[in-house]
Amino acid sequence: MTYKSIANGFSLTLKEDGVRGLAKGWAPTFIGYSMQGLCKFGFYEVFKVFYSDLLGEENTYLWRTSLYLAASASAEFFADIALAPMEAVKVRIQTRPGYANNLRQCVPKMFAEEGVWAFYKGLVPLWMRQIPYTMMKFSCFERTVELIYKYAVPKPRAECSKSEQLVVTFVAGYIAGVFCAIVSHPADSVVSVLNKESGSTAFQVLKKLGPKGVWKGLVARIIMIGTLTALQWFIYDSVKVYFRLPRPPPPEMPESLKKKLGLTE
């Protein structure tokens, strides 16, 4: 079913399925994105340190945006392998009325009909959607935090309270989320149709949707992804604060590089 707008989608869902319809597919969504989130944020920290060690201190600063992009892309590659099965189940429950009502019903039915492939046929389009999304999410967030502390906050980060730092995290997260939604929306449209229609390929779906069709629903996605991304970063940073985990400040030019560039007296 195609909805004309967010309001139209809500009203039709409530009319046809009641309040329960709005929560359809919550279990695979919760499990899938929890697994993906753990892998994404965890592997990002691992790959950031790994690539930083390869580059060295000076190149890490000079090429920091490329470092964020590479670390986040590497992390998302593995995170999507964890997400793909639950994403396929979620889309099947939400887009095929009467197919299955919950996770327990859907998984064995999909496996019986299509085997393991049913859960991973959307993996490549998922990479197409999620890897650019995550690259934008992490690199935009990191650079936005850097710019906020440099131009918008009237004092150094070290002098800001934990609550002030978390506000910066939330704002930077929301800005990153807006860009994420725009970058990933066309592939998201393809993945949704692909998991709904058996036997279709990503290229066939893309051709069917056309240039206009892949951008349908972008406003709703911006609102959703902007808020979710801001909350993800806020929760992630709050957990670090609570457990007193390392929270590196925005990057500064190494002294050795300042000397090379003649920026020190």
C-alpha atoms as a PDB file:
ATOM      1  CA  MET A   1       0.000   0.000   0.000  1.00  0.00           C
ATOM      2  CA  THR A   2       1.180   3.516  -0.821  1.00  0.00           C
ATOM      3  CA  TYR A   3       0.452   6.369   1.559  1.00  0.00           C
ATOM      4  CA  LYS A   4       0.061   9.928   0.263  1.00  0.00           C
ATOM      5  CA  SER A   5       1.539  11.545   3.397  1.00  0.00           C
ATOM      6  CA  ILE A   6       2.527  10.886   7.018  1.00  0.00           C
ATOM      7  CA  ALA A   7      -0.954  11.876   8.272  1.00  0.00           C
ATOM      8  CA  ASN A   8      -2.612   9.720   5.616  1.00  0.00           C
ATOM      9  CA  GLY A   9      -0.419   6.766   6.572  1.00  0.00           C
ATOM     10  CA  PHE A  10      -1.261   7.090  10.269  1.00  0.00           C
ATOM     11  CA  SER A  11      -5.017   7.422   9.654  1.00  0.00           C
ATOM     12  CA  LEU A  12      -5.199   4.470   7.233  1.00  0.00           C
ATOM     13  CA  THR A  13      -3.099   2.249   9.507  1.00  0.00           C
ATOM     14  CA  LEU A  14      -5.305   3.088  12.504  1.00  0.00           C
ATOM     15  CA  LYS A  15      -8.446   2.492  10.442  1.00  0.00           C
ATOM     16  CA  GLU A  16      -7.331  -0.873   9.054  1.00  0.00           C
ATOM     17  CA  ASP A  17      -5.232  -2.364  11.881  1.00  0.00           C
ATOM     18  CA  GLY A  18      -6.012  -0.237  14.943  1.00  0.00           C
ATOM     19  CA  VAL A  19      -3.367   0.959  17.394  1.00  0.00           C
ATOM     20  CA  ARG A  20      -1.590  -2.414  17.138  1.00  0.00           C
ATOM     21  CA  GLY A  21      -0.925  -1.707  13.467  1.00  0.00           C
ATOM     22  CA  LEU A  22       1.400   1.158  14.403  1.00  0.00           C
ATOM     23  CA  ALA A  23       3.578  -1.258  16.392  1.00  0.00           C
ATOM     24  CA  LYS A  24       3.639  -3.992  13.749  1.00  0.00           C
ATOM     25  CA  GLY A  25       7.109  -5.441  13.336  1.00  0.00           C
ATOM     26  CA  TRP A  26       8.448  -3.913  16.574  1.00  0.00           C
ATOM     27  CA  ALA A  27      10.269  -7.089  17.678  1.00  0.00           C
ATOM     28  CA  PRO A  28      12.496  -7.581  14.589  1.00  0.00           C
ATOM     29  CA  THR A  29      13.033  -3.801  14.474  1.00  0.00           C
ATOM     30  CA  PHE A  30      14.173  -3.711  18.111  1.00  0.00           C
ATOM     31  CA  ILE A  31      16.376  -6.827  17.889  1.00  0.00           C
ATOM     32  CA  GLY A  32      17.844  -5.992  14.471  1.00  0.00           C
ATOM     33  CA  TYR A  33      18.731  -2.389  15.190  1.00  0.00           C
ATOM     34  CA  SER A  34      20.034  -3.216  18.678  1.00  0.00           C
ATOM     35  CA  MET A  35      22.460  -5.732  17.161  1.00  0.00           C
ATOM     36  CA  GLN A  36      23.379  -3.326  14.392  1.00  0.00           C
ATOM     37  CA  GLY A  37      23.915  -0.446  16.821  1.00  0.00           C
ATOM     38  CA  LEU A  38      26.210  -2.481  19.060  1.00  0.00           C
ATOM     39  CA  CYS A  39      28.296  -3.592  16.080  1.00  0.00           C
ATOM     40  CA  LYS A  40      28.288  -0.157  14.434  1.00  0.00           C
ATOM     41  CA  PHE A  41      29.425   1.930  17.417  1.00  0.00           C
ATOM     42  CA  GLY A  42      31.708  -0.780  18.788  1.00  0.00           C
ATOM     43  CA  PHE A  43      33.513  -1.518  15.531  1.00  0.00           C
ATOM     44  CA  TYR A  44      33.733   2.211  14.731  1.00  0.00           C
ATOM     45  CA  GLU A  45      35.850   2.783  17.836  1.00  0.00           C
ATOM     46  CA  VAL A  46      37.990  -0.249  16.966  1.00  0.00           C
ATOM     47  CA  PHE A  47      38.554   0.760  13.329  1.00  0.00           C
ATOM     48  CA  LYS A  48      39.171   4.403  14.250  1.00  0.00           C
ATOM     49  CA  VAL A  49      42.034   3.382  16.533  1.00  0.00           C
ATOM     50  CA  PHE A  50      43.285   0.812  13.990  1.00  0.00           C
ATOM     51  CA  TYR A  51      43.412   3.270  11.062  1.00  0.00           C
ATOM     52  CA  SER A  52      44.796   6.024  13.298  1.00  0.00           C
ATOM     53  CA  ASP A  53      47.708   3.766  14.292  1.00  0.00           C
ATOM     54  CA  LEU A  54      48.372   3.051  10.610  1.00  0.00           C
ATOM     55  CA  LEU A  55      48.364   6.747   9.678  1.00  0.00           C
ATOM     56  CA  GLY A  56      50.338   8.130  12.627  1.00  0.00           C
ATOM     57  CA  GLU A  57      49.525  11.194  14.737  1.00  0.00           C
ATOM     58  CA  GLU A  58      50.099  13.909  12.137  1.00  0.00           C
ATOM     59  CA  ASN A  59      48.292  12.186   9.266  1.00  0.00           C
ATOM     60  CA  THR A  60      45.429  11.250  11.583  1.00  0.00           C
ATOM     61  CA  TYR A  61      44.809  14.964  12.133  1.00  0.00           C
ATOM     62  CA  LEU A  62      45.326  15.991   8.497  1.00  0.00           C
ATOM     63  CA  TRP A  63      43.197  13.151   7.115  1.00  0.00           C
ATOM     64  CA  ARG A  64      40.698  12.933   9.983  1.00  0.00           C
ATOM     65  CA  THR A  65      37.601  13.183   7.767  1.00  0.00           C
ATOM     66  CA  SER A  66      38.874  10.318   5.604  1.00  0.00           C
ATOM     67  CA  LEU A  67      39.621   8.392   8.795  1.00  0.00           C
ATOM     68  CA  TYR A  68      36.025   8.865  10.024  1.00  0.00           C
ATOM     69  CA  LEU A  69      34.683   7.761   6.627  1.00  0.00           C
ATOM     70  CA  ALA A  70      36.871   4.639   6.443  1.00  0.00           C
ATOM     71  CA  ALA A  71      36.258   3.576  10.059  1.00  0.00           C
ATOM     72  CA  SER A  72      32.485   4.030   9.806  1.00  0.00           C
ATOM     73  CA  ALA A  73      32.257   2.215   6.443  1.00  0.00           C
ATOM     74  CA  SER A  74      34.232  -0.727   7.836  1.00  0.00           C
ATOM     75  CA  ALA A  75      32.049  -0.872  10.952  1.00  0.00           C
ATOM     76  CA  GLU A  76      28.798  -0.720   8.992  1.00  0.00           C
ATOM     77  CA  PHE A  77      29.887  -3.541   6.664  1.00  0.00           C
ATOM     78  CA  PHE A  78      29.827  -5.945   9.619  1.00  0.00           C
ATOM     79  CA  ALA A  79      26.872  -4.295  11.386  1.00  0.00           C
ATOM     80  CA  ASP A  80      24.612  -4.891   8.371  1.00  0.00           C
ATOM     81  CA  ILE A  81      25.339  -8.609   8.371  1.00  0.00           C
ATOM     82  CA  ALA A  82      23.827  -8.611  11.869  1.00  0.00           C
ATOM     83  CA  LEU A  83      20.871  -6.420  10.813  1.00  0.00           C
ATOM     84  CA  ALA A  84      19.867  -8.026   7.481  1.00  0.00           C
ATOM     85  CA  PRO A  85      17.805 -11.007   8.780  1.00  0.00           C
ATOM     86  CA  MET A  86      15.676  -8.890  11.136  1.00  0.00           C
ATOM     87  CA  GLU A  87      15.243  -6.141   8.515  1.00  0.00           C
ATOM     88  CA  ALA A  88      13.898  -8.721   6.050  1.00  0.00           C
ATOM     89  CA  VAL A  89      11.460 -10.068   8.659  1.00  0.00           C
ATOM     90  CA  LYS A  90      10.310  -6.558   9.645  1.00  0.00           C
ATOM     91  CA  VAL A  91       9.585  -5.503   6.074  1.00  0.00           C
ATOM     92  CA  ARG A  92       7.762  -8.786   5.327  1.00  0.00           C
ATOM     93  CA  ILE A  93       5.483  -8.374   8.383  1.00  0.00           C
ATOM     94  CA  GLN A  94       4.771  -4.700   7.676  1.00  0.00           C
ATOM     95  CA  THR A  95       4.222  -4.866   3.933  1.00  0.00           C
ATOM     96  CA  ARG A  96       2.433  -8.202   3.389  1.00  0.00           C
ATOM     97  CA  PRO A  97      -0.924  -8.124   5.186  1.00  0.00           C
ATOM     98  CA  GLY A  98      -1.856 -11.540   6.554  1.00  0.00           C
ATOM     99  CA  TYR A  99       1.567 -13.083   5.923  1.00  0.00           C
ATOM    100  CA  ALA A 100       2.582 -13.202   9.598  1.00  0.00           C
ATOM    101  CA  ASN A 101       1.675 -11.288  12.735  1.00  0.00           C
ATOM    102  CA  ASN A 102       4.947 -11.544  14.626  1.00  0.00           C
ATOM    103  CA  LEU A 103       8.578 -12.643  14.580  1.00  0.00           C
ATOM    104  CA  ARG A 104       7.857 -16.223  15.710  1.00  0.00           C
ATOM    105  CA  GLN A 105       5.447 -16.790  12.850  1.00  0.00           C
ATOM    106  CA  CYS A 106       7.444 -15.000  10.167  1.00  0.00           C
ATOM    107  CA  VAL A 107      10.924 -16.518  10.538  1.00  0.00           C
ATOM    108  CA  PRO A 108       9.999 -20.220  10.028  1.00  0.00           C
ATOM    109  CA  LYS A 109       7.612 -19.320   7.204  1.00  0.00           C
ATOM    110  CA  MET A 110      10.256 -17.327   5.316  1.00  0.00           C
ATOM    111  CA  PHE A 111      12.844 -20.066   5.879  1.00  0.00           C
ATOM    112  CA  ALA A 112      10.473 -22.785   4.600  1.00  0.00           C
ATOM    113  CA  GLU A 113       9.637 -20.808   1.454  1.00  0.00           C
ATOM    114  CA  GLU A 114      13.036 -19.393   0.458  1.00  0.00           C
ATOM    115  CA  GLY A 115      15.701 -20.835   2.794  1.00  0.00           C
ATOM    116  CA  VAL A 116      18.493 -18.778   4.363  1.00  0.00           C
ATOM    117  CA  TRP A 117      18.603 -16.550   1.268  1.00  0.00           C
ATOM    118  CA  ALA A 118      15.280 -14.991   2.342  1.00  0.00           C
ATOM    119  CA  PHE A 119      17.073 -13.259   5.210  1.00  0.00           C
ATOM    120  CA  TYR A 120      20.077 -12.026   3.226  1.00  0.00           C
ATOM    121  CA  LYS A 121      18.740 -11.208  -0.233  1.00  0.00           C
ATOM    122  CA  GLY A 122      18.495  -7.571   0.842  1.00  0.00           C
ATOM    123  CA  LEU A 123      22.065  -7.432   2.215  1.00  0.00           C
ATOM    124  CA  VAL A 124      23.712  -5.781  -0.816  1.00  0.00           C
ATOM    125  CA  PRO A 125      21.010  -3.072  -1.102  1.00  0.00           C
ATOM    126  CA  LEU A 126      21.269  -2.734   2.685  1.00  0.00           C
ATOM    127  CA  TRP A 127      24.997  -2.037   2.307  1.00  0.00           C
ATOM    128  CA  MET A 128      24.120   0.456  -0.448  1.00  0.00           C
ATOM    129  CA  ARG A 129      21.764   2.219   1.962  1.00  0.00           C
ATOM    130  CA  GLN A 130      23.542   1.873   5.288  1.00  0.00           C
ATOM    131  CA  ILE A 131      27.224   2.338   4.409  1.00  0.00           C
ATOM    132  CA  PRO A 132      26.776   5.829   2.855  1.00  0.00           C
ATOM    133  CA  TYR A 133      24.316   6.586   5.694  1.00  0.00           C
ATOM    134  CA  THR A 134      26.815   5.612   8.396  1.00  0.00           C
ATOM    135  CA  MET A 135      29.742   7.314   6.683  1.00  0.00           C
ATOM    136  CA  MET A 136      27.688  10.518   6.678  1.00  0.00           C
ATOM    137  CA  LYS A 137      26.438   9.901  10.223  1.00  0.00           C
ATOM    138  CA  PHE A 138      29.855   9.549  11.836  1.00  0.00           C
ATOM    139  CA  SER A 139      31.923  11.947   9.727  1.00  0.00           C
ATOM    140  CA  CYS A 140      29.269  14.680   9.805  1.00  0.00           C
ATOM    141  CA  PHE A 141      28.817  14.227  13.557  1.00  0.00           C
ATOM    142  CA  GLU A 142      32.553  14.362  14.295  1.00  0.00           C
ATOM    143  CA  ARG A 143      33.127  17.456  12.170  1.00  0.00           C
ATOM    144  CA  THR A 144      29.954  19.190  13.426  1.00  0.00           C
ATOM    145  CA  VAL A 145      31.030  18.694  17.050  1.00  0.00           C
ATOM    146  CA  GLU A 146      34.420  20.147  16.135  1.00  0.00           C
ATOM    147  CA  LEU A 147      32.812  23.193  14.468  1.00  0.00           C
ATOM    148  CA  ILE A 148      30.304  23.786  17.293  1.00  0.00           C
ATOM    149  CA  TYR A 149      33.064  23.903  19.902  1.00  0.00           C
ATOM    150  CA  LYS A 150      35.185  26.090  17.639  1.00  0.00           C
ATOM    151  CA  TYR A 151      32.581  28.660  16.579  1.00  0.00           C
ATOM    152  CA  ALA A 152      29.386  28.342  18.675  1.00  0.00           C
ATOM    153  CA  VAL A 153      30.477  27.454  22.208  1.00  0.00           C
ATOM    154  CA  PRO A 154      32.155  30.418  23.974  1.00  0.00           C
ATOM    155  CA  LYS A 155      34.504  28.254  26.050  1.00  0.00           C
ATOM    156  CA  PRO A 156      36.735  25.200  25.537  1.00  0.00           C
ATOM    157  CA  ARG A 157      35.134  21.758  25.830  1.00  0.00           C
ATOM    158  CA  ALA A 158      37.154  21.009  28.961  1.00  0.00           C
ATOM    159  CA  GLU A 159      35.431  23.920  30.721  1.00  0.00           C
ATOM    160  CA  CYS A 160      31.922  22.815  29.692  1.00  0.00           C
ATOM    161  CA  SER A 161      29.811  20.807  32.128  1.00  0.00           C
ATOM    162  CA  LYS A 162      28.813  17.252  31.216  1.00  0.00           C
ATOM    163  CA  SER A 163      25.229  18.399  30.512  1.00  0.00           C
ATOM    164  CA  GLU A 164      26.493  21.177  28.185  1.00  0.00           C
ATOM    165  CA  GLN A 165      28.637  18.650  26.342  1.00  0.00           C
ATOM    166  CA  LEU A 166      25.641  16.337  25.938  1.00  0.00           C
ATOM    167  CA  VAL A 167      23.587  19.194  24.457  1.00  0.00           C
ATOM    168  CA  VAL A 168      26.330  19.683  21.839  1.00  0.00           C
ATOM    169  CA  THR A 169      26.221  15.925  21.186  1.00  0.00           C
ATOM    170  CA  PHE A 170      22.438  16.003  20.631  1.00  0.00           C
ATOM    171  CA  VAL A 171      22.541  19.027  18.280  1.00  0.00           C
ATOM    172  CA  ALA A 172      25.425  17.598  16.244  1.00  0.00           C
ATOM    173  CA  GLY A 173      23.623  14.245  16.119  1.00  0.00           C
ATOM    174  CA  TYR A 174      20.444  15.813  14.730  1.00  0.00           C
ATOM    175  CA  ILE A 175      22.343  17.738  12.053  1.00  0.00           C
ATOM    176  CA  ALA A 176      24.158  14.543  11.064  1.00  0.00           C
ATOM    177  CA  GLY A 177      20.821  12.699  10.951  1.00  0.00           C
ATOM    178  CA  VAL A 178      19.333  15.115   8.414  1.00  0.00           C
ATOM    179  CA  PHE A 179      22.234  14.524   6.025  1.00  0.00           C
ATOM    180  CA  CYS A 180      22.058  10.761   6.683  1.00  0.00           C
ATOM    181  CA  ALA A 181      18.404  10.624   5.668  1.00  0.00           C
ATOM    182  CA  ILE A 182      19.047  12.421   2.380  1.00  0.00           C
ATOM    183  CA  VAL A 183      22.045  10.260   1.435  1.00  0.00           C
ATOM    184  CA  SER A 184      20.410   6.913   2.224  1.00  0.00           C
ATOM    185  CA  HIS A 185      16.793   7.485   1.149  1.00  0.00           C
ATOM    186  CA  PRO A 186      16.943   6.187  -2.466  1.00  0.00           C
ATOM    187  CA  ALA A 187      18.506   2.871  -1.388  1.00  0.00           C
ATOM    188  CA  ASP A 188      16.034   2.623   1.518  1.00  0.00           C
ATOM    189  CA  SER A 189      13.156   2.842  -0.958  1.00  0.00           C
ATOM    190  CA  VAL A 190      14.702   0.016  -3.011  1.00  0.00           C
ATOM    191  CA  VAL A 191      15.269  -2.224   0.048  1.00  0.00           C
ATOM    192  CA  SER A 192      11.665  -1.782   1.203  1.00  0.00           C
ATOM    193  CA  VAL A 193      10.225  -2.826  -2.168  1.00  0.00           C
ATOM    194  CA  LEU A 194      12.764  -5.632  -2.596  1.00  0.00           C
ATOM    195  CA  ASN A 195      11.838  -7.322   0.683  1.00  0.00           C
ATOM    196  CA  LYS A 196       8.136  -6.938  -0.145  1.00  0.00           C
ATOM    197  CA  GLU A 197       8.287  -8.480  -3.631  1.00  0.00           C
ATOM    198  CA  SER A 198       9.665 -11.996  -4.099  1.00  0.00           C
ATOM    199  CA  GLY A 199      11.877 -12.553  -7.136  1.00  0.00           C
ATOM    200  CA  SER A 200      12.691  -8.907  -7.835  1.00  0.00           C
ATOM    201  CA  THR A 201      16.254  -7.574  -8.157  1.00  0.00           C
ATOM    202  CA  ALA A 202      17.573  -4.221  -6.938  1.00  0.00           C
ATOM    203  CA  PHE A 203      17.994  -3.016 -10.547  1.00  0.00           C
ATOM    204  CA  GLN A 204      14.407  -3.984 -11.476  1.00  0.00           C
ATOM    205  CA  VAL A 205      13.010  -2.173  -8.433  1.00  0.00           C
ATOM    206  CA  LEU A 206      15.120   0.923  -9.140  1.00  0.00           C
ATOM    207  CA  LYS A 207      13.875   1.007 -12.722  1.00  0.00           C
ATOM    208  CA  LYS A 208      10.274   0.570 -11.569  1.00  0.00           C
ATOM    209  CA  LEU A 209      10.435   3.357  -8.966  1.00  0.00           C
ATOM    210  CA  GLY A 210      12.158   5.845 -11.247  1.00  0.00           C
ATOM    211  CA  PRO A 211      13.957   9.069 -10.210  1.00  0.00           C
ATOM    212  CA  LYS A 212      10.852  10.518  -8.545  1.00  0.00           C
ATOM    213  CA  GLY A 213       9.757   7.356  -6.754  1.00  0.00           C
ATOM    214  CA  VAL A 214      13.024   6.813  -4.864  1.00  0.00           C
ATOM    215  CA  TRP A 215      12.630  10.192  -3.112  1.00  0.00           C
ATOM    216  CA  LYS A 216       9.041   9.630  -1.970  1.00  0.00           C
ATOM    217  CA  GLY A 217       8.646   9.915   1.808  1.00  0.00           C
ATOM    218  CA  LEU A 218      11.875  11.867   2.318  1.00  0.00           C
ATOM    219  CA  VAL A 219      10.358  14.423   4.743  1.00  0.00           C
ATOM    220  CA  ALA A 220       9.082  11.664   7.033  1.00  0.00           C
ATOM    221  CA  ARG A 221      12.471   9.968   6.909  1.00  0.00           C
ATOM    222  CA  ILE A 222      14.309  13.221   7.758  1.00  0.00           C
ATOM    223  CA  ILE A 223      12.107  13.724  10.836  1.00  0.00           C
ATOM    224  CA  MET A 224      12.535  10.115  11.944  1.00  0.00           C
ATOM    225  CA  ILE A 225      16.239   9.716  11.194  1.00  0.00           C
ATOM    226  CA  GLY A 226      17.185  13.157  12.524  1.00  0.00           C
ATOM    227  CA  THR A 227      15.539  12.409  15.862  1.00  0.00           C
ATOM    228  CA  LEU A 228      16.820   8.823  16.058  1.00  0.00           C
ATOM    229  CA  THR A 229      20.384   9.809  15.180  1.00  0.00           C
ATOM    230  CA  ALA A 230      20.386  12.596  17.764  1.00  0.00           C
ATOM    231  CA  LEU A 231      19.057  10.205  20.420  1.00  0.00           C
ATOM    232  CA  GLN A 232      21.575   7.501  19.457  1.00  0.00           C
ATOM    233  CA  TRP A 233      24.510   9.852  19.871  1.00  0.00           C
ATOM    234  CA  PHE A 234      23.032  11.306  23.059  1.00  0.00           C
ATOM    235  CA  ILE A 235      22.535   7.851  24.628  1.00  0.00           C
ATOM    236  CA  TYR A 236      25.951   6.645  23.435  1.00  0.00           C
ATOM    237  CA  ASP A 237      27.707   9.693  24.908  1.00  0.00           C
ATOM    238  CA  SER A 238      25.610   9.506  28.114  1.00  0.00           C
ATOM    239  CA  VAL A 239      26.681   5.889  28.627  1.00  0.00           C
ATOM    240  CA  LYS A 240      30.312   6.962  28.218  1.00  0.00           C
ATOM    241  CA  VAL A 241      29.795   9.728  30.782  1.00  0.00           C
ATOM    242  CA  TYR A 242      28.028   7.411  33.244  1.00  0.00           C
ATOM    243  CA  PHE A 243      30.662   4.668  33.074  1.00  0.00           C
ATOM    244  CA  ARG A 244      33.489   7.217  32.847  1.00  0.00           C
ATOM    245  CA  LEU A 245      34.713   5.800  29.559  1.00  0.00           C
ATOM    246  CA  PRO A 246      37.236   7.757  27.457  1.00  0.00           C
ATOM    247  CA  ARG A 247      35.646  10.685  25.591  1.00  0.00           C
ATOM    248  CA  PRO A 248      38.393  12.255  23.482  1.00  0.00           C
ATOM    249  CA  PRO A 249      38.048  16.024  22.904  1.00  0.00           C
ATOM    250  CA  PRO A 250      37.737  17.439  19.367  1.00  0.00           C
ATOM    251  CA  PRO A 251      41.038  16.872  17.517  1.00  0.00           C
ATOM    252  CA  GLU A 252      43.768  19.475  17.750  1.00  0.00           C
ATOM    253  CA  MET A 253      46.812  19.902  15.553  1.00  0.00           C
ATOM    254  CA  PRO A 254      49.804  17.989  16.996  1.00  0.00           C
ATOM    255  CA  GLU A 255      52.708  20.124  18.216  1.00  0.00           C
ATOM    256  CA  SER A 256      55.065  18.394  15.771  1.00  0.00           C
ATOM    257  CA  LEU A 257      52.859  19.431  12.849  1.00  0.00           C
ATOM    258  CA  LYS A 258      52.596  23.005  14.136  1.00  0.00           C
ATOM    259  CA  LYS A 259      56.386  23.196  14.135  1.00  0.00           C
ATOM    260  CA  LYS A 260      56.611  21.832  10.584  1.00  0.00           C
ATOM    261  CA  LEU A 261      54.086  24.391   9.409  1.00  0.00           C
ATOM    262  CA  GLY A 262      55.797  27.198  11.317  1.00  0.00           C
ATOM    263  CA  LEU A 263      52.769  27.856  13.523  1.00  0.00           C
ATOM    264  CA  THR A 264      54.755  27.908  16.787  1.00  0.00           C
ATOM    265  CA  GLU A 265      57.269  30.491  17.900  1.00  0.00           C
END
